C-alpha atoms as a PDB file:
ATOM      1  CA  MET A   1      65.168-138.368 165.673  1.00  0.00           C
ATOM      2  CA  PRO A   2      62.639-137.014 162.422  1.00  0.00           C
ATOM      3  CA  THR A   3      61.738-133.825 164.638  1.00  0.00           C
ATOM      4  CA  PHE A   4      65.782-132.933 165.390  1.00  0.00           C
ATOM      5  CA  LEU A   5      66.510-133.404 162.131  1.00  0.00           C
ATOM      6  CA  ARG A   6      63.974-131.275 161.015  1.00  0.00           C
ATOM      7  CA  SER A   7      65.709-129.082 163.267  1.00  0.00           C
ATOM      8  CA  VAL A   8      69.120-128.823 161.154  1.00  0.00           C
ATOM      9  CA  ASP A   9      70.842-128.105 157.660  1.00  0.00           C
ATOM     10  CA  THR A  10      73.806-128.780 158.432  1.00  0.00           C
ATOM     11  CA  VAL A  11      76.218-131.898 160.062  1.00  0.00           C
ATOM     12  CA  ILE A  12      79.408-131.970 160.695  1.00  0.00           C
ATOM     13  CA  MET A  13      81.780-135.177 161.525  1.00  0.00           C
ATOM     14  CA  GLY A  14      85.362-135.826 161.678  1.00  0.00           C
ATOM     15  CA  ARG A  15      86.890-138.193 159.511  1.00  0.00           C
ATOM     16  CA  GLU A  16      86.790-141.144 162.133  1.00  0.00           C
ATOM     17  CA  THR A  17      83.148-140.753 162.488  1.00  0.00           C
ATOM     18  CA  PHE A  18      82.461-140.388 158.713  1.00  0.00           C
ATOM     19  CA  ALA A  19      84.645-143.653 158.002  1.00  0.00           C
ATOM     20  CA  ALA A  20      82.600-145.500 161.093  1.00  0.00           C
ATOM     21  CA  GLY A  21      78.893-145.223 159.093  1.00  0.00           C
ATOM     22  CA  GLN A  22      80.468-145.580 155.784  1.00  0.00           C
ATOM     23  CA  ARG A  23      81.474-149.164 157.426  1.00  0.00           C
ATOM     24  CA  LEU A  24      77.357-149.298 158.872  1.00  0.00           C
ATOM     25  CA  GLY A  25      76.514-148.888 155.337  1.00  0.00           C
ATOM     26  CA  GLY A  26      74.895-145.367 155.562  1.00  0.00           C
ATOM     27  CA  ALA A  27      77.801-142.182 156.472  1.00  0.00           C
ATOM     28  CA  LEU A  28      76.254-138.716 155.033  1.00  0.00           C
ATOM     29  CA  VAL A  29      72.963-137.757 156.553  1.00  0.00           C
ATOM     30  CA  GLU A  30      70.105-137.593 153.373  1.00  0.00           C
ATOM     31  CA  GLY A  31      69.162-134.164 152.660  1.00  0.00           C
ATOM     32  CA  LYS A  32      71.425-132.025 154.369  1.00  0.00           C
ATOM     33  CA  ARG A  33      74.942-130.204 154.168  1.00  0.00           C
ATOM     34  CA  ASN A  34      77.532-132.404 155.276  1.00  0.00           C
ATOM     35  CA  ILE A  35      80.781-131.297 155.741  1.00  0.00           C
ATOM     36  CA  VAL A  36      83.343-133.661 156.697  1.00  0.00           C
ATOM     37  CA  LEU A  37      86.635-132.043 158.824  1.00  0.00           C
ATOM     38  CA  SER A  38      89.882-134.032 158.105  1.00  0.00           C
ATOM     39  CA  ARG A  39      93.516-132.709 157.675  1.00  0.00           C
ATOM     40  CA  THR A  40      94.480-135.904 155.146  1.00  0.00           C
ATOM     41  CA  MET A  41      91.348-136.641 153.153  1.00  0.00           C
ATOM     42  CA  PRO A  42      91.530-134.127 149.654  1.00  0.00           C
ATOM     43  CA  SER A  43      88.077-131.560 149.417  1.00  0.00           C
ATOM     44  CA  TYR A  44      87.081-133.413 146.587  1.00  0.00           C
ATOM     45  CA  GLY A  45      87.081-136.677 147.626  1.00  0.00           C
ATOM     46  CA  ILE A  46      83.457-137.584 149.153  1.00  0.00           C
ATOM     47  CA  PRO A  47      80.554-137.134 146.781  1.00  0.00           C
ATOM     48  CA  GLY A  48      77.787-135.231 148.609  1.00  0.00           C
ATOM     49  CA  ALA A  49      80.134-133.885 151.193  1.00  0.00           C
ATOM     50  CA  THR A  50      82.391-130.837 151.344  1.00  0.00           C
ATOM     51  CA  VAL A  51      85.771-131.890 153.395  1.00  0.00           C
ATOM     52  CA  GLU A  52      87.516-128.634 155.137  1.00  0.00           C
ATOM     53  CA  ASN A  53      90.352-128.880 156.742  1.00  0.00           C
ATOM     54  CA  THR A  54      89.446-125.123 158.907  1.00  0.00           C
ATOM     55  CA  ASP A  55      89.492-123.345 162.387  1.00  0.00           C
ATOM     56  CA  PRO A  56      86.955-124.239 164.357  1.00  0.00           C
ATOM     57  CA  LEU A  57      85.937-121.074 165.021  1.00  0.00           C
ATOM     58  CA  GLU A  58      86.301-119.750 161.479  1.00  0.00           C
ATOM     59  CA  LEU A  59      84.062-122.366 159.749  1.00  0.00           C
ATOM     60  CA  ALA A  60      81.154-121.706 162.832  1.00  0.00           C
ATOM     61  CA  ASN A  61      81.604-118.026 162.525  1.00  0.00           C
ATOM     62  CA  THR A  62      80.811-118.935 158.561  1.00  0.00           C
ATOM     63  CA  LEU A  63      78.254-121.305 159.165  1.00  0.00           C
ATOM     64  CA  ARG A  64      76.495-118.316 161.569  1.00  0.00           C
ATOM     65  CA  ASN A  65      76.797-116.710 158.460  1.00  0.00           C
ATOM     66  CA  ASP A  66      75.062-118.300 156.489  1.00  0.00           C
ATOM     67  CA  LYS A  67      70.895-118.959 155.985  1.00  0.00           C
ATOM     68  CA  GLY A  68      69.806-122.136 157.246  1.00  0.00           C
ATOM     69  CA  LYS A  69      68.929-124.289 160.718  1.00  0.00           C
ATOM     70  CA  ASN A  70      70.700-125.563 162.661  1.00  0.00           C
ATOM     71  CA  VAL A  71      74.132-127.557 162.754  1.00  0.00           C
ATOM     72  CA  TRP A  72      74.189-130.502 164.353  1.00  0.00           C
ATOM     73  CA  LEU A  73      77.688-131.212 165.749  1.00  0.00           C
ATOM     74  CA  MET A  74      78.108-135.350 165.154  1.00  0.00           C
ATOM     75  CA  GLY A  75      81.559-136.069 166.330  1.00  0.00           C
ATOM     76  CA  GLY A  76      83.601-137.588 167.293  1.00  0.00           C
ATOM     77  CA  ALA A  77      85.872-136.432 170.521  1.00  0.00           C
ATOM     78  CA  ASN A  78      88.543-134.688 169.308  1.00  0.00           C
ATOM     79  CA  VAL A  79      85.646-132.801 166.892  1.00  0.00           C
ATOM     80  CA  PHE A  80      83.726-132.126 169.405  1.00  0.00           C
ATOM     81  CA  GLY A  81      86.590-131.000 171.320  1.00  0.00           C
ATOM     82  CA  SER A  82      88.055-128.423 168.998  1.00  0.00           C
ATOM     83  CA  PHE A  83      85.029-126.868 168.853  1.00  0.00           C
ATOM     84  CA  LEU A  84      84.617-127.003 172.292  1.00  0.00           C
ATOM     85  CA  SER A  85      87.929-125.440 172.970  1.00  0.00           C
ATOM     86  CA  ALA A  86      87.815-122.941 170.292  1.00  0.00           C
ATOM     87  CA  GLY A  87      83.917-121.269 172.062  1.00  0.00           C
ATOM     88  CA  ALA A  88      82.431-122.404 168.450  1.00  0.00           C
ATOM     89  CA  LEU A  89      79.219-123.966 170.179  1.00  0.00           C
ATOM     90  CA  ASP A  90      76.238-122.245 171.205  1.00  0.00           C
ATOM     91  CA  GLU A  91      74.188-124.988 172.975  1.00  0.00           C
ATOM     92  CA  LEU A  92      75.411-129.405 173.873  1.00  0.00           C
ATOM     93  CA  ILE A  93      72.079-131.902 173.886  1.00  0.00           C
ATOM     94  CA  ILE A  94      73.507-134.878 175.824  1.00  0.00           C
ATOM     95  CA  HIS A  95      71.481-137.517 175.337  1.00  0.00           C
ATOM     96  CA  VAL A  96      71.912-140.398 178.701  1.00  0.00           C
ATOM     97  CA  VAL A  97      71.362-144.315 177.748  1.00  0.00           C
ATOM     98  CA  PRO A  98      70.906-146.465 180.653  1.00  0.00           C
ATOM     99  CA  VAL A  99      73.483-148.755 179.476  1.00  0.00           C
ATOM    100  CA  LEU A 100      76.513-148.557 181.411  1.00  0.00           C
ATOM    101  CA  ILE A 101      79.739-150.060 179.009  1.00  0.00           C
ATOM    102  CA  GLY A 102      83.809-150.516 180.418  1.00  0.00           C
ATOM    103  CA  THR A 103      84.473-149.519 177.025  1.00  0.00           C
ATOM    104  CA  GLY A 104      83.296-146.790 174.365  1.00  0.00           C
ATOM    105  CA  ILE A 105      83.820-143.734 172.041  1.00  0.00           C
ATOM    106  CA  PRO A 106      84.542-140.814 174.926  1.00  0.00           C
ATOM    107  CA  LEU A 107      82.327-137.399 174.114  1.00  0.00           C
ATOM    108  CA  LEU A 108      85.354-136.059 174.479  1.00  0.00           C
ATOM    109  CA  ASP A 109      88.935-135.234 173.730  1.00  0.00           C
ATOM    110  CA  ALA A 110      91.599-135.075 177.012  1.00  0.00           C
ATOM    111  CA  THR A 111      92.320-131.781 176.479  1.00  0.00           C
ATOM    112  CA  PRO A 112      92.133-130.049 179.847  1.00  0.00           C
ATOM    113  CA  ARG A 113      89.178-127.334 179.394  1.00  0.00           C
ATOM    114  CA  LEU A 114      86.864-125.552 181.893  1.00  0.00           C
ATOM    115  CA  VAL A 115      83.645-124.495 180.002  1.00  0.00           C
ATOM    116  CA  GLU A 116      80.581-123.372 182.215  1.00  0.00           C
ATOM    117  CA  LEU A 117      77.355-124.907 181.003  1.00  0.00           C
ATOM    118  CA  LYS A 118      73.565-123.606 181.893  1.00  0.00           C
ATOM    119  CA  LEU A 119      70.618-125.685 181.847  1.00  0.00           C
ATOM    120  CA  ARG A 120      68.102-124.898 179.694  1.00  0.00           C
ATOM    121  CA  SER A 121      66.057-128.262 179.610  1.00  0.00           C
ATOM    122  CA  THR A 122      65.550-132.320 180.455  1.00  0.00           C
ATOM    123  CA  ARG A 123      63.680-134.894 178.983  1.00  0.00           C
ATOM    124  CA  ARG A 124      62.990-138.313 179.980  1.00  0.00           C
ATOM    125  CA  PHE A 125      62.031-140.749 177.807  1.00  0.00           C
ATOM    126  CA  ALA A 126      59.183-143.787 177.988  1.00  0.00           C
ATOM    127  CA  ASP A 127      62.821-145.938 177.626  1.00  0.00           C
ATOM    128  CA  GLY A 128      64.604-144.455 180.558  1.00  0.00           C
ATOM    129  CA  VAL A 129      66.917-141.828 178.206  1.00  0.00           C
ATOM    130  CA  VAL A 130      67.313-138.991 179.325  1.00  0.00           C
ATOM    131  CA  ARG A 131      68.512-135.324 177.134  1.00  0.00           C
ATOM    132  CA  LEU A 132      70.116-132.619 178.872  1.00  0.00           C
ATOM    133  CA  HIS A 133      69.823-129.506 176.866  1.00  0.00           C
ATOM    134  CA  TYR A 134      72.582-126.960 177.853  1.00  0.00           C
ATOM    135  CA  ASP A 135      73.897-123.602 176.615  1.00  0.00           C
ATOM    136  CA  VAL A 136      77.501-123.301 176.235  1.00  0.00           C
ATOM    137  CA  ASP A 137      79.163-119.835 177.871  1.00  0.00           C
ATOM    138  CA  ARG A 138      81.714-119.222 175.521  1.00  0.00           C
ATOM    139  CA  THR A 139      82.780-115.924 177.299  1.00  0.00           C
ATOM    140  CA  ALA A 140      83.908-117.991 179.840  1.00  0.00           C
ATOM    141  CA  PRO A 141      87.732-119.096 180.203  1.00  0.00           C
ATOM    142  CA  THR A 142      88.097-122.756 178.504  1.00  0.00           C
ATOM    143  CA  SER A 143      91.344-123.431 180.079  1.00  0.00           C
END
């Protein structure tokens, strides 16, 4: 995780992910530009973060034009789905954890879409976790 965190300078999360982080005692990623997406929170509402209510593609294009490193889209499922549907994601890194659960937080919202992914790399860790790294085809239709 420390290596990954050094590769990003901006973290985007939804209001619910931010709230869950607050309950666990650390919603914001220290030393990073934190953006919380919300339609209901005031833009001045979070010390150390920016609150945005903007189109995912517009925000992605703004961030692409800024100097800096990578952006970590932390979630949740609705945020991830909206960026994916808008063609605003360049790559996707998924960690498969070898624990089966019957419930949990979904990776992606239930919006119908078809997004082509191209496998860039895989990595297996000693604890059984597997990282899948994909490039997202932003030119392919999403529905």
